[in-house]
Amino acid sequence: MANICDICGKGTQAGSNVSHSNRHTKHTWKPNLQRVRAVIDGKIQRVNVCTRCLRSGKITRTV
């Protein structure tokens, strides 16, 4: 599964962990994605959605 939100396009972020002694190590941060059933264009589909899109109501979730 690609770590990309189908609604907003949020994906994996890359950067560095920086220790107290200023050593840098590579690190990735992945979005909190949920695979949910949602209504898209009048049809029920399974989509990968980040929790921010779910919480803000950008998608209509079905049960």
Protein backbone atom coordinates (compact mmCIF):
# COMPACT_ATOMS: atom_id res chain seq x y z
CA MET A 1 0.00 0.00 0.00
CA ALA A 2 1.37 3.39 -0.94
CA ASN A 3 1.50 5.74 2.03
CA ILE A 4 -0.51 8.51 0.35
CA CYS A 5 -3.89 9.92 1.35
CA ASP A 6 -6.36 9.63 -1.53
CA ILE A 7 -8.05 12.91 -0.54
CA CYS A 8 -5.32 15.43 0.29
CA GLY A 9 -2.23 13.67 -1.07
CA LYS A 10 -0.36 13.66 2.22
CA GLY A 11 2.56 11.24 2.02
CA THR A 12 5.76 10.13 3.70
CA GLN A 13 8.01 12.91 5.03
CA ALA A 14 11.77 12.50 5.27
CA GLY A 15 14.18 14.24 7.56
CA SER A 16 16.77 13.74 10.24
CA ASN A 17 16.71 12.84 13.89
CA VAL A 18 19.14 15.17 15.63
CA SER A 19 20.66 14.01 18.90
CA HIS A 20 21.88 16.19 21.75
CA SER A 21 25.42 15.85 20.36
CA ASN A 22 24.06 17.09 16.98
CA ARG A 23 24.49 13.76 15.17
CA HIS A 24 22.05 13.35 12.28
CA THR A 25 20.39 10.06 11.37
CA LYS A 26 17.84 9.64 8.61
CA HIS A 27 14.23 9.12 9.62
CA THR A 28 10.86 8.91 7.86
CA TRP A 29 7.46 9.91 9.19
CA LYS A 30 4.42 8.19 7.73
CA PRO A 31 0.89 9.64 7.77
CA ASN A 32 -1.80 8.01 9.91
CA LEU A 33 -3.83 6.38 7.14
CA GLN A 34 -7.06 4.46 7.61
CA ARG A 35 -8.64 2.22 4.97
CA VAL A 36 -12.31 3.19 5.11
CA ARG A 37 -15.47 2.76 3.08
CA ALA A 38 -16.62 6.14 1.83
CA VAL A 39 -19.10 7.65 -0.60
CA ILE A 40 -17.26 9.03 -3.64
CA ASP A 41 -19.27 10.30 -6.62
CA GLY A 42 -22.36 8.52 -5.30
CA LYS A 43 -20.65 5.12 -5.06
CA ILE A 44 -19.21 3.33 -2.05
CA GLN A 45 -15.48 2.76 -2.42
CA ARG A 46 -12.61 1.75 -0.16
CA VAL A 47 -10.04 4.53 0.09
CA ASN A 48 -6.92 5.30 2.10
CA VAL A 49 -7.63 8.47 4.07
CA CYS A 50 -5.51 10.28 6.64
CA THR A 51 -7.11 10.89 10.01
CA ARG A 52 -7.05 14.66 9.53
CA CYS A 53 -9.31 14.35 6.46
CA LEU A 54 -11.63 12.01 8.39
CA ARG A 55 -11.82 14.38 11.35
CA SER A 56 -12.35 17.52 9.28
CA GLY A 57 -15.23 15.95 7.35
CA LYS A 58 -13.69 16.04 3.88
CA ILE A 59 -15.12 12.59 3.25
CA THR A 60 -18.45 10.91 4.01
CA ARG A 61 -17.75 7.64 5.79
CA THR A 62 -20.21 4.74 5.59
CA VAL A 63 -20.68 1.84 7.97
